[in-house]
Each structure stands twice: as structure tokens, then as C-alpha cells.
Amino acid sequence: MGHISPVYQALYPAHRWRDFHDFNTVTVNKATECWVAPDGVTVIPIVYDLARSAALAAAYPGQPLYTSDEYDKRTVQLQVSREGALTGLTWRTMIGDGRRLRHGRELSWSQVLMAANTPMLLRSGLVQGRTDAGVLAAGQVVGVLRDLPSCEELITGIVAQATAVIDGLAGGQRWQTRDLGQNSDVADASP
């Protein structure tokens, strides 16, 4: 994004819904690509949350931008750099988030810090593939897996099961293709 100079305004999602409580990290990640308006000085940084936001907010370099974290129900003030990137998420904001996370829950500060690091650990493991530096979300189903078939075995098994179900629903009759002129691929269950 730094090849556009000067940036008059950058249009960002006006709000974000971040399920992993990673709003603080994701919001200030500097986009590597952007769309450029015909005026040559208005940009829309390409970020995932564009698809999830209902509105765009104009961010002007040197002025604050207010954006909302829909999941944690808060509004955050950010600064806009000369390149149109969002910066300036303060320690005060992050500490306030930690206090809110602890409030009403019996969490230690170490648990709060671990929660703050979780988005970075997930990104390292899941997105960047660095299992040595991150975590992989696997869930409880991992404990019940008994085999790991190849793709070919998996597809062949699915087709065999689907064929058995269809045959059972059709009373044992196999579906056949009849030549019906231009709709020659229409299947018919009649003998």
C-alpha cells in the first residue's frame, strides 16, 4: 500500500466482528494490497473484514478514526499514518480490554495475557503453518478419529454410500439416463 503517495483518504470497515477477540491485532495489521480510486489518492485496503462490514469509514492521514469492535461492544480510536495505515492502538486501550475481560470472571492476569496472545498463536499455526510457533485448533472430535483414508478412498466410500441410499429410496431400481432430445442428461427412475 505504501506505493500510493500521497493518500488523501483510506476507506476501512466501519466496524468489525472478530470471533477470536483479535480486534486489536487485526485492526492495525498493515494491508499489503489496496484498490485505488480513479482520483489516485483514495484507497481501499484489502482486508478480510470488508466482506463482513455493512459500512466503510473514511480515514484521513493525521486525523483519528473511530471504529467499533462489534463482538466486544466497544469503540476504539486509532490514528491514520501518512500511508493510510491504521496505527496507535494504545496500551491504555489494551489494559482496559484486559480489565473488561477479567470483570465478572475469576481470571488471573496470566490468563488474560494468554487470551491476548491467542490470535497470534492461531495465525502462526493455522495460517502460516508454523506448528512449532503456534497452536492448531482441533476440537474434541480428534479423540474419536480412528482412520485417515486417502482422498480416493474417502470419495469412493461416499459415492458407494450415496448409491446405496438412492437405490434404497428408489425401491431397488437403478436410475437411468434417457434420451429426451436436448435434455439428454435428465435422469429417470422408470425401468
N, C-alpha and C. Protein backbone atom coordinates (compact mmCIF):
# COMPACT_ATOMS: atom_id res chain seq x y z
N MET A 1 0.81 -1.19 0.00
CA MET A 1 0.00 0.00 0.00
C MET A 1 0.86 1.25 0.00
N GLY A 2 2.10 1.14 0.39
CA GLY A 2 2.96 2.31 0.51
C GLY A 2 3.34 2.96 -0.80
N HIS A 3 3.00 2.37 -1.95
CA HIS A 3 3.38 2.96 -3.23
C HIS A 3 2.42 4.07 -3.66
N ILE A 4 1.33 4.30 -2.95
CA ILE A 4 0.39 5.38 -3.25
C ILE A 4 0.79 6.58 -2.39
N SER A 5 1.13 7.68 -3.04
CA SER A 5 1.55 8.85 -2.27
C SER A 5 1.16 10.11 -3.02
N PRO A 6 0.55 11.04 -2.39
CA PRO A 6 0.04 10.99 -1.02
C PRO A 6 -1.33 10.31 -0.99
N VAL A 7 -1.68 9.74 0.15
CA VAL A 7 -3.02 9.17 0.34
C VAL A 7 -3.90 10.26 0.92
N TYR A 8 -4.99 10.57 0.24
CA TYR A 8 -5.93 11.56 0.77
C TYR A 8 -6.86 10.92 1.79
N GLN A 9 -7.39 9.74 1.45
CA GLN A 9 -8.23 9.01 2.40
C GLN A 9 -8.14 7.52 2.12
N ALA A 10 -8.32 6.75 3.18
CA ALA A 10 -8.38 5.29 3.08
C ALA A 10 -9.73 4.88 3.65
N LEU A 11 -10.42 4.01 2.95
CA LEU A 11 -11.73 3.56 3.40
C LEU A 11 -11.60 2.19 4.06
N TYR A 12 -11.94 2.13 5.35
CA TYR A 12 -11.83 0.90 6.13
C TYR A 12 -13.21 0.46 6.60
N PRO A 13 -13.34 -0.82 7.00
CA PRO A 13 -14.61 -1.25 7.59
C PRO A 13 -14.93 -0.36 8.80
N ALA A 14 -16.17 0.11 8.88
CA ALA A 14 -16.56 0.98 9.99
C ALA A 14 -16.68 0.20 11.29
N HIS A 15 -16.86 -1.09 11.17
CA HIS A 15 -16.95 -1.95 12.36
C HIS A 15 -16.42 -3.32 11.98
N ARG A 16 -16.05 -4.08 12.98
CA ARG A 16 -15.54 -5.43 12.75
C ARG A 16 -16.10 -6.36 13.80
N TRP A 17 -16.39 -7.57 13.39
CA TRP A 17 -16.85 -8.63 14.29
C TRP A 17 -15.75 -9.67 14.29
N ARG A 18 -14.98 -9.72 15.36
CA ARG A 18 -13.84 -10.63 15.44
C ARG A 18 -14.10 -11.69 16.49
N ASP A 19 -14.45 -12.91 16.04
CA ASP A 19 -14.82 -14.01 16.94
C ASP A 19 -13.70 -14.43 17.88
N PHE A 20 -12.46 -14.26 17.48
CA PHE A 20 -11.33 -14.72 18.29
C PHE A 20 -10.80 -13.62 19.21
N HIS A 21 -11.57 -12.55 19.40
CA HIS A 21 -11.14 -11.42 20.23
C HIS A 21 -9.79 -10.89 19.76
N ASP A 22 -9.57 -10.89 18.45
CA ASP A 22 -8.30 -10.44 17.89
C ASP A 22 -8.43 -9.07 17.22
N PHE A 23 -9.42 -8.31 17.59
CA PHE A 23 -9.67 -6.99 17.03
C PHE A 23 -8.43 -6.10 17.10
N ASN A 24 -7.79 -6.07 18.27
CA ASN A 24 -6.62 -5.20 18.46
C ASN A 24 -5.50 -5.54 17.49
N THR A 25 -5.28 -6.81 17.23
CA THR A 25 -4.21 -7.24 16.34
C THR A 25 -4.59 -7.00 14.88
N VAL A 26 -5.77 -7.46 14.50
CA VAL A 26 -6.19 -7.41 13.10
C VAL A 26 -6.39 -5.98 12.60
N THR A 27 -6.92 -5.12 13.44
CA THR A 27 -7.23 -3.75 13.02
C THR A 27 -5.99 -2.98 12.60
N VAL A 28 -4.87 -3.19 13.27
CA VAL A 28 -3.66 -2.43 12.94
C VAL A 28 -2.70 -3.19 12.02
N ASN A 29 -3.09 -4.39 11.55
CA ASN A 29 -2.27 -5.08 10.56
C ASN A 29 -2.24 -4.24 9.29
N LYS A 30 -1.06 -4.00 8.78
CA LYS A 30 -0.93 -3.17 7.59
C LYS A 30 -1.23 -4.00 6.34
N ALA A 31 -2.21 -3.55 5.56
CA ALA A 31 -2.59 -4.25 4.33
C ALA A 31 -1.45 -4.16 3.32
N THR A 32 -1.27 -5.22 2.55
CA THR A 32 -0.22 -5.23 1.53
C THR A 32 -0.76 -4.85 0.17
N GLU A 33 -2.08 -4.91 0.00
CA GLU A 33 -2.71 -4.57 -1.27
C GLU A 33 -3.88 -3.63 -1.02
N CYS A 34 -4.23 -2.87 -2.05
CA CYS A 34 -5.38 -1.99 -1.93
C CYS A 34 -5.96 -1.70 -3.31
N TRP A 35 -7.22 -1.28 -3.32
CA TRP A 35 -7.84 -0.78 -4.54
C TRP A 35 -7.60 0.73 -4.55
N VAL A 36 -7.36 1.28 -5.70
CA VAL A 36 -7.11 2.71 -5.84
C VAL A 36 -8.24 3.31 -6.67
N ALA A 37 -8.86 4.37 -6.14
CA ALA A 37 -9.93 5.05 -6.86
C ALA A 37 -9.37 5.80 -8.07
N PRO A 38 -10.23 6.16 -9.00
CA PRO A 38 -9.75 6.90 -10.19
C PRO A 38 -9.04 8.21 -9.85
N ASP A 39 -9.32 8.80 -8.69
CA ASP A 39 -8.63 10.05 -8.33
C ASP A 39 -7.17 9.82 -7.97
N GLY A 40 -6.76 8.55 -7.77
CA GLY A 40 -5.38 8.21 -7.49
C GLY A 40 -4.91 8.45 -6.07
N VAL A 41 -5.76 9.03 -5.20
CA VAL A 41 -5.35 9.32 -3.83
C VAL A 41 -6.32 8.76 -2.78
N THR A 42 -7.36 8.07 -3.24
CA THR A 42 -8.28 7.40 -2.33
C THR A 42 -8.06 5.90 -2.48
N VAL A 43 -7.86 5.22 -1.34
CA VAL A 43 -7.58 3.78 -1.38
C VAL A 43 -8.56 3.02 -0.49
N ILE A 44 -8.77 1.76 -0.86
CA ILE A 44 -9.50 0.82 -0.01
C ILE A 44 -8.55 -0.34 0.25
N PRO A 45 -7.94 -0.39 1.44
CA PRO A 45 -7.04 -1.50 1.75
C PRO A 45 -7.81 -2.82 1.72
N ILE A 46 -7.21 -3.84 1.13
CA ILE A 46 -7.86 -5.15 1.02
C ILE A 46 -7.65 -5.89 2.33
N VAL A 47 -8.70 -5.95 3.11
CA VAL A 47 -8.69 -6.65 4.40
C VAL A 47 -9.91 -7.57 4.45
N TYR A 48 -9.79 -8.65 5.18
CA TYR A 48 -10.84 -9.66 5.27
C TYR A 48 -12.18 -9.07 5.71
N ASP A 49 -12.15 -8.15 6.64
CA ASP A 49 -13.39 -7.64 7.22
C ASP A 49 -14.21 -6.78 6.27
N LEU A 50 -13.69 -6.45 5.09
CA LEU A 50 -14.51 -5.72 4.11
C LEU A 50 -15.76 -6.51 3.77
N ALA A 51 -15.63 -7.82 3.68
CA ALA A 51 -16.77 -8.66 3.33
C ALA A 51 -17.78 -8.80 4.47
N ARG A 52 -17.37 -8.49 5.68
CA ARG A 52 -18.25 -8.67 6.83
C ARG A 52 -18.81 -7.36 7.37
N SER A 53 -18.41 -6.25 6.81
CA SER A 53 -18.82 -4.95 7.33
C SER A 53 -19.96 -4.39 6.49
N ALA A 54 -20.87 -3.68 7.13
CA ALA A 54 -22.01 -3.08 6.43
C ALA A 54 -21.71 -1.66 5.96
N ALA A 55 -20.60 -1.07 6.39
CA ALA A 55 -20.29 0.31 6.03
C ALA A 55 -18.78 0.53 6.03
N LEU A 56 -18.38 1.57 5.30
CA LEU A 56 -16.98 1.97 5.29
C LEU A 56 -16.83 3.30 6.00
N ALA A 57 -15.69 3.48 6.65
CA ALA A 57 -15.38 4.74 7.33
C ALA A 57 -14.17 5.37 6.65
N ALA A 58 -14.24 6.66 6.41
CA ALA A 58 -13.13 7.37 5.78
C ALA A 58 -12.06 7.70 6.81
N ALA A 59 -10.84 7.26 6.54
CA ALA A 59 -9.71 7.51 7.43
C ALA A 59 -8.78 8.50 6.73
N TYR A 60 -8.56 9.64 7.36
CA TYR A 60 -7.72 10.69 6.79
C TYR A 60 -6.39 10.74 7.54
N PRO A 61 -5.26 10.70 6.82
CA PRO A 61 -3.95 10.76 7.48
C PRO A 61 -3.84 11.95 8.43
N GLY A 62 -3.31 11.65 9.63
CA GLY A 62 -3.11 12.68 10.64
C GLY A 62 -4.33 12.94 11.50
N GLN A 63 -5.45 12.31 11.21
CA GLN A 63 -6.67 12.51 12.00
C GLN A 63 -7.09 11.18 12.63
N PRO A 64 -7.79 11.24 13.76
CA PRO A 64 -8.24 10.00 14.39
C PRO A 64 -9.37 9.34 13.60
N LEU A 65 -9.44 8.03 13.70
CA LEU A 65 -10.53 7.25 13.13
C LEU A 65 -11.17 6.48 14.27
N TYR A 66 -12.48 6.53 14.36
CA TYR A 66 -13.21 5.78 15.37
C TYR A 66 -13.86 4.59 14.69
N THR A 67 -13.59 3.42 15.21
CA THR A 67 -14.15 2.19 14.65
C THR A 67 -14.67 1.34 15.80
N SER A 68 -15.60 0.45 15.51
CA SER A 68 -16.20 -0.32 16.60
C SER A 68 -15.89 -1.80 16.48
N ASP A 69 -15.70 -2.38 17.65
CA ASP A 69 -15.49 -3.82 17.81
C ASP A 69 -16.85 -4.38 18.19
N GLU A 70 -17.55 -4.98 17.23
CA GLU A 70 -18.92 -5.45 17.46
C GLU A 70 -18.97 -6.60 18.46
N TYR A 71 -17.96 -7.46 18.45
CA TYR A 71 -18.00 -8.63 19.33
C TYR A 71 -17.88 -8.24 20.79
N ASP A 72 -16.93 -7.36 21.08
CA ASP A 72 -16.72 -6.94 22.47
C ASP A 72 -17.45 -5.64 22.81
N LYS A 73 -18.26 -5.14 21.87
CA LYS A 73 -19.13 -3.97 22.10
C LYS A 73 -18.36 -2.76 22.64
N ARG A 74 -17.43 -2.25 21.84
CA ARG A 74 -16.65 -1.09 22.24
C ARG A 74 -16.24 -0.29 21.01
N THR A 75 -15.91 0.95 21.23
CA THR A 75 -15.42 1.82 20.17
C THR A 75 -13.97 2.17 20.48
N VAL A 76 -13.13 2.16 19.45
CA VAL A 76 -11.70 2.38 19.62
C VAL A 76 -11.26 3.55 18.74
N GLN A 77 -10.38 4.37 19.27
CA GLN A 77 -9.79 5.46 18.49
C GLN A 77 -8.44 5.01 17.97
N LEU A 78 -8.23 5.16 16.66
CA LEU A 78 -6.97 4.83 16.03
C LEU A 78 -6.44 6.05 15.30
N GLN A 79 -5.16 6.06 15.02
CA GLN A 79 -4.55 7.12 14.23
C GLN A 79 -4.34 6.59 12.81
N VAL A 80 -4.23 7.50 11.86
CA VAL A 80 -4.04 7.12 10.47
C VAL A 80 -2.69 7.67 10.02
N SER A 81 -1.81 6.78 9.55
CA SER A 81 -0.47 7.19 9.11
C SER A 81 -0.55 7.90 7.76
N ARG A 82 0.57 8.46 7.32
CA ARG A 82 0.63 9.15 6.02
C ARG A 82 0.30 8.22 4.87
N GLU A 83 0.60 6.92 5.05
CA GLU A 83 0.32 5.93 4.00
C GLU A 83 -1.12 5.43 4.06
N GLY A 84 -1.90 5.90 5.04
CA GLY A 84 -3.28 5.46 5.18
C GLY A 84 -3.46 4.23 6.05
N ALA A 85 -2.38 3.76 6.70
CA ALA A 85 -2.46 2.59 7.57
C ALA A 85 -2.98 3.01 8.95
N LEU A 86 -3.68 2.09 9.60
CA LEU A 86 -4.18 2.36 10.95
C LEU A 86 -3.10 2.03 11.97
N THR A 87 -2.90 2.93 12.92
CA THR A 87 -1.89 2.75 13.96
C THR A 87 -2.45 3.31 15.27
N GLY A 88 -1.63 3.26 16.30
CA GLY A 88 -1.94 3.99 17.52
C GLY A 88 -2.86 3.31 18.50
N LEU A 89 -2.98 2.00 18.44
CA LEU A 89 -3.75 1.31 19.47
C LEU A 89 -2.91 1.36 20.74
N THR A 90 -3.38 2.05 21.75
CA THR A 90 -2.56 2.35 22.92
C THR A 90 -2.57 1.23 23.94
N TRP A 91 -1.56 1.25 24.81
CA TRP A 91 -1.51 0.32 25.94
C TRP A 91 -2.72 0.52 26.83
N ARG A 92 -3.14 1.78 26.98
CA ARG A 92 -4.30 2.07 27.83
C ARG A 92 -5.53 1.33 27.32
N THR A 93 -5.71 1.31 26.00
CA THR A 93 -6.84 0.58 25.41
C THR A 93 -6.72 -0.90 25.70
N MET A 94 -5.52 -1.45 25.50
CA MET A 94 -5.34 -2.88 25.71
C MET A 94 -5.51 -3.27 27.18
N ILE A 95 -5.04 -2.44 28.09
CA ILE A 95 -5.21 -2.73 29.52
C ILE A 95 -6.69 -2.66 29.89
N GLY A 96 -7.39 -1.67 29.33
CA GLY A 96 -8.84 -1.59 29.56
C GLY A 96 -9.55 -2.83 29.06
N ASP A 97 -9.12 -3.34 27.92
CA ASP A 97 -9.70 -4.59 27.40
C ASP A 97 -9.45 -5.74 28.37
N GLY A 98 -8.23 -5.80 28.90
CA GLY A 98 -7.91 -6.85 29.86
C GLY A 98 -8.76 -6.77 31.11
N ARG A 99 -8.98 -5.56 31.60
CA ARG A 99 -9.84 -5.38 32.78
C ARG A 99 -11.27 -5.83 32.48
N ARG A 100 -11.78 -5.47 31.30
CA ARG A 100 -13.13 -5.89 30.94
C ARG A 100 -13.22 -7.40 30.81
N LEU A 101 -12.16 -8.02 30.28
CA LEU A 101 -12.14 -9.47 30.13
C LEU A 101 -12.15 -10.16 31.49
N ARG A 102 -11.46 -9.58 32.47
CA ARG A 102 -11.41 -10.16 33.82
C ARG A 102 -12.68 -9.92 34.61
N HIS A 103 -13.36 -8.81 34.34
CA HIS A 103 -14.51 -8.41 35.15
C HIS A 103 -15.60 -9.50 35.14
N GLY A 104 -16.00 -9.91 36.32
CA GLY A 104 -17.05 -10.91 36.45
C GLY A 104 -16.58 -12.33 36.23
N ARG A 105 -15.33 -12.50 35.89
CA ARG A 105 -14.77 -13.84 35.69
C ARG A 105 -13.57 -13.96 36.62
N GLU A 106 -13.35 -15.09 37.13
CA GLU A 106 -12.22 -15.27 38.03
C GLU A 106 -10.98 -15.65 37.24
N LEU A 107 -10.50 -14.70 36.42
CA LEU A 107 -9.31 -14.94 35.60
C LEU A 107 -8.11 -14.26 36.23
N SER A 108 -6.97 -14.93 36.13
CA SER A 108 -5.72 -14.31 36.57
C SER A 108 -5.20 -13.44 35.43
N TRP A 109 -4.23 -12.57 35.75
CA TRP A 109 -3.66 -11.73 34.70
C TRP A 109 -2.92 -12.59 33.67
N SER A 110 -2.35 -13.71 34.09
CA SER A 110 -1.66 -14.58 33.13
C SER A 110 -2.66 -15.18 32.14
N GLN A 111 -3.87 -15.49 32.60
CA GLN A 111 -4.91 -15.99 31.69
C GLN A 111 -5.33 -14.90 30.70
N VAL A 112 -5.42 -13.68 31.18
CA VAL A 112 -5.78 -12.55 30.31
C VAL A 112 -4.70 -12.36 29.25
N LEU A 113 -3.42 -12.43 29.65
CA LEU A 113 -2.33 -12.27 28.68
C LEU A 113 -2.32 -13.41 27.66
N MET A 114 -2.64 -14.62 28.11
CA MET A 114 -2.71 -15.75 27.18
C MET A 114 -3.85 -15.53 26.19
N ALA A 115 -4.98 -15.01 26.65
CA ALA A 115 -6.10 -14.72 25.76
C ALA A 115 -5.70 -13.67 24.73
N ALA A 116 -4.90 -12.70 25.15
CA ALA A 116 -4.44 -11.66 24.22
C ALA A 116 -3.51 -12.23 23.16
N ASN A 117 -2.73 -13.26 23.51
CA ASN A 117 -1.79 -13.86 22.57
C ASN A 117 -2.43 -14.90 21.65
N THR A 118 -3.61 -15.38 22.02
CA THR A 118 -4.25 -16.45 21.26
C THR A 118 -4.38 -16.15 19.78
N PRO A 119 -4.83 -14.96 19.36
CA PRO A 119 -4.94 -14.71 17.92
C PRO A 119 -3.62 -14.86 17.18
N MET A 120 -2.52 -14.41 17.79
CA MET A 120 -1.22 -14.53 17.14
C MET A 120 -0.77 -15.98 17.07
N LEU A 121 -1.06 -16.76 18.12
CA LEU A 121 -0.70 -18.17 18.13
C LEU A 121 -1.51 -18.94 17.08
N LEU A 122 -2.81 -18.62 16.96
CA LEU A 122 -3.64 -19.27 15.94
C LEU A 122 -3.16 -18.91 14.54
N ARG A 123 -2.83 -17.65 14.31
CA ARG A 123 -2.37 -17.25 12.99
C ARG A 123 -1.07 -17.97 12.64
N SER A 124 -0.14 -18.09 13.60
CA SER A 124 1.12 -18.79 13.32
C SER A 124 0.86 -20.24 12.94
N GLY A 125 -0.02 -20.91 13.69
CA GLY A 125 -0.26 -22.32 13.44
C GLY A 125 -1.15 -22.59 12.24
N LEU A 126 -2.28 -21.90 12.15
CA LEU A 126 -3.26 -22.19 11.11
C LEU A 126 -2.99 -21.51 9.78
N VAL A 127 -2.60 -20.25 9.80
CA VAL A 127 -2.43 -19.50 8.56
C VAL A 127 -1.03 -19.66 8.00
N GLN A 128 -0.03 -19.50 8.85
CA GLN A 128 1.35 -19.56 8.39
C GLN A 128 1.92 -20.98 8.40
N GLY A 129 1.21 -21.93 9.00
CA GLY A 129 1.66 -23.31 9.03
C GLY A 129 2.82 -23.58 9.96
N ARG A 130 3.08 -22.67 10.89
CA ARG A 130 4.21 -22.84 11.81
C ARG A 130 3.73 -23.50 13.09
N THR A 131 3.61 -24.81 13.07
CA THR A 131 3.13 -25.53 14.25
C THR A 131 4.12 -25.47 15.41
N ASP A 132 5.38 -25.15 15.12
CA ASP A 132 6.36 -25.01 16.19
C ASP A 132 6.17 -23.71 16.97
N ALA A 133 5.55 -22.70 16.35
CA ALA A 133 5.41 -21.39 16.99
C ALA A 133 3.95 -21.03 17.27
N GLY A 134 3.03 -21.93 16.95
CA GLY A 134 1.63 -21.60 17.13
C GLY A 134 0.83 -22.79 17.63
N VAL A 135 -0.47 -22.63 17.59
CA VAL A 135 -1.36 -23.70 18.03
C VAL A 135 -2.30 -24.05 16.88
N LEU A 136 -2.83 -25.26 16.94
CA LEU A 136 -3.82 -25.71 15.96
C LEU A 136 -5.11 -26.01 16.71
N ALA A 137 -6.19 -25.40 16.28
CA ALA A 137 -7.49 -25.66 16.89
C ALA A 137 -8.01 -26.97 16.32
N ALA A 138 -8.16 -27.98 17.16
CA ALA A 138 -8.55 -29.29 16.67
C ALA A 138 -9.94 -29.71 17.18
N GLY A 139 -10.29 -29.37 18.38
CA GLY A 139 -11.59 -29.73 18.91
C GLY A 139 -11.63 -31.13 19.47
N GLN A 140 -12.77 -31.47 20.05
CA GLN A 140 -12.92 -32.75 20.74
C GLN A 140 -13.04 -33.94 19.79
N VAL A 141 -13.41 -33.68 18.54
CA VAL A 141 -13.59 -34.76 17.59
C VAL A 141 -12.29 -35.52 17.32
N VAL A 142 -11.16 -34.90 17.57
CA VAL A 142 -9.87 -35.56 17.33
C VAL A 142 -9.76 -36.86 18.12
N GLY A 143 -10.36 -36.91 19.28
CA GLY A 143 -10.29 -38.10 20.11
C GLY A 143 -11.08 -39.28 19.57
N VAL A 144 -11.98 -39.07 18.63
CA VAL A 144 -12.79 -40.18 18.12
C VAL A 144 -12.39 -40.62 16.71
N LEU A 145 -11.40 -39.97 16.11
CA LEU A 145 -10.93 -40.39 14.79
C LEU A 145 -10.20 -41.72 14.89
N ARG A 146 -10.59 -42.66 14.02
CA ARG A 146 -9.97 -43.98 14.06
C ARG A 146 -9.17 -44.30 12.81
N ASP A 147 -9.44 -43.58 11.71
CA ASP A 147 -8.69 -43.84 10.48
C ASP A 147 -8.52 -42.54 9.70
N LEU A 148 -7.56 -42.55 8.82
CA LEU A 148 -7.30 -41.41 7.96
C LEU A 148 -7.21 -41.91 6.52
N PRO A 149 -8.37 -42.05 5.85
CA PRO A 149 -8.34 -42.58 4.48
C PRO A 149 -7.75 -41.56 3.51
N SER A 150 -7.28 -42.07 2.38
CA SER A 150 -6.80 -41.17 1.32
C SER A 150 -8.03 -40.48 0.71
N CYS A 151 -7.81 -39.45 -0.09
CA CYS A 151 -8.92 -38.75 -0.75
C CYS A 151 -9.70 -39.72 -1.64
N GLU A 152 -8.96 -40.57 -2.38
CA GLU A 152 -9.62 -41.53 -3.26
C GLU A 152 -10.52 -42.49 -2.47
N GLU A 153 -10.01 -43.00 -1.36
CA GLU A 153 -10.81 -43.91 -0.54
C GLU A 153 -12.03 -43.20 0.04
N LEU A 154 -11.85 -41.95 0.45
CA LEU A 154 -12.94 -41.18 1.03
C LEU A 154 -14.05 -40.95 0.00
N ILE A 155 -13.69 -40.49 -1.20
CA ILE A 155 -14.67 -40.21 -2.25
C ILE A 155 -15.36 -41.49 -2.68
N THR A 156 -14.60 -42.57 -2.88
CA THR A 156 -15.19 -43.85 -3.27
C THR A 156 -16.20 -44.33 -2.23
N GLY A 157 -15.87 -44.19 -0.96
CA GLY A 157 -16.79 -44.58 0.11
C GLY A 157 -18.05 -43.73 0.13
N ILE A 158 -17.90 -42.42 -0.08
CA ILE A 158 -19.07 -41.52 -0.10
C ILE A 158 -20.00 -41.89 -1.26
N VAL A 159 -19.40 -42.13 -2.44
CA VAL A 159 -20.20 -42.50 -3.62
C VAL A 159 -20.93 -43.82 -3.37
N ALA A 160 -20.24 -44.79 -2.80
CA ALA A 160 -20.87 -46.09 -2.52
C ALA A 160 -22.03 -45.94 -1.54
N GLN A 161 -21.85 -45.14 -0.49
CA GLN A 161 -22.93 -44.93 0.48
C GLN A 161 -24.10 -44.19 -0.16
N ALA A 162 -23.81 -43.17 -0.97
CA ALA A 162 -24.88 -42.41 -1.63
C ALA A 162 -25.65 -43.30 -2.59
N THR A 163 -24.95 -44.15 -3.35
CA THR A 163 -25.60 -45.07 -4.29
C THR A 163 -26.52 -46.03 -3.54
N ALA A 164 -26.07 -46.54 -2.41
CA ALA A 164 -26.89 -47.45 -1.62
C ALA A 164 -28.16 -46.76 -1.10
N VAL A 165 -28.03 -45.53 -0.65
CA VAL A 165 -29.19 -44.78 -0.16
C VAL A 165 -30.18 -44.51 -1.29
N ILE A 166 -29.66 -44.05 -2.45
CA ILE A 166 -30.52 -43.75 -3.60
C ILE A 166 -31.23 -45.02 -4.07
N ASP A 167 -30.49 -46.14 -4.14
CA ASP A 167 -31.11 -47.41 -4.54
C ASP A 167 -32.21 -47.80 -3.57
N GLY A 168 -31.96 -47.59 -2.29
CA GLY A 168 -32.98 -47.92 -1.29
C GLY A 168 -34.21 -47.05 -1.43
N LEU A 169 -34.04 -45.78 -1.72
CA LEU A 169 -35.17 -44.86 -1.89
C LEU A 169 -35.95 -45.16 -3.17
N ALA A 170 -35.27 -45.67 -4.17
CA ALA A 170 -35.92 -45.96 -5.46
C ALA A 170 -36.48 -47.37 -5.50
N GLY A 171 -36.55 -48.04 -4.39
CA GLY A 171 -37.10 -49.40 -4.34
C GLY A 171 -36.26 -50.41 -5.07
N GLY A 172 -34.97 -50.21 -5.10
CA GLY A 172 -34.06 -51.15 -5.74
C GLY A 172 -33.83 -50.88 -7.20
N GLN A 173 -34.58 -49.95 -7.80
CA GLN A 173 -34.39 -49.63 -9.21
C GLN A 173 -33.20 -48.69 -9.37
N ARG A 174 -32.42 -48.94 -10.40
CA ARG A 174 -31.28 -48.07 -10.70
C ARG A 174 -31.76 -46.90 -11.53
N TRP A 175 -31.21 -45.74 -11.30
CA TRP A 175 -31.54 -44.56 -12.09
C TRP A 175 -30.88 -44.71 -13.46
N GLN A 176 -31.63 -44.37 -14.50
CA GLN A 176 -31.11 -44.49 -15.85
C GLN A 176 -31.23 -43.14 -16.56
N THR A 177 -30.42 -42.98 -17.58
CA THR A 177 -30.48 -41.77 -18.40
C THR A 177 -31.24 -42.10 -19.67
N ARG A 178 -32.22 -41.26 -19.98
CA ARG A 178 -32.98 -41.44 -21.21
C ARG A 178 -32.69 -40.30 -22.15
N ASP A 179 -32.72 -40.58 -23.42
CA ASP A 179 -32.53 -39.54 -24.42
C ASP A 179 -33.84 -38.80 -24.61
N LEU A 180 -33.88 -37.55 -24.12
CA LEU A 180 -35.08 -36.73 -24.23
C LEU A 180 -34.83 -35.53 -25.13
N GLY A 181 -34.05 -35.73 -26.13
CA GLY A 181 -33.73 -34.63 -27.05
C GLY A 181 -32.65 -33.75 -26.46
N GLN A 182 -32.94 -32.44 -26.32
CA GLN A 182 -31.93 -31.51 -25.82
C GLN A 182 -31.63 -31.70 -24.34
N ASN A 183 -32.52 -32.35 -23.58
CA ASN A 183 -32.29 -32.61 -22.15
C ASN A 183 -31.86 -34.06 -21.95
N SER A 184 -30.87 -34.50 -22.68
CA SER A 184 -30.49 -35.91 -22.66
C SER A 184 -29.85 -36.35 -21.35
N ASP A 185 -29.51 -35.42 -20.47
CA ASP A 185 -28.88 -35.82 -19.21
C ASP A 185 -29.88 -35.92 -18.08
N VAL A 186 -31.18 -35.83 -18.34
CA VAL A 186 -32.19 -35.91 -17.30
C VAL A 186 -32.34 -37.35 -16.87
N ALA A 187 -32.24 -37.59 -15.59
CA ALA A 187 -32.35 -38.95 -15.07
C ALA A 187 -33.80 -39.33 -14.83
N ASP A 188 -34.11 -40.60 -15.01
CA ASP A 188 -35.47 -41.09 -14.84
C ASP A 188 -35.39 -42.41 -14.08
N ALA A 189 -36.27 -42.64 -13.15
CA ALA A 189 -36.23 -43.84 -12.33
C ALA A 189 -37.07 -44.96 -12.94
N SER A 190 -37.78 -44.71 -14.01
CA SER A 190 -38.64 -45.78 -14.57
C SER A 190 -37.79 -46.82 -15.25
N PRO A 191 -38.28 -48.08 -15.29
CA PRO A 191 -37.48 -49.19 -15.86
C PRO A 191 -37.25 -49.09 -17.35
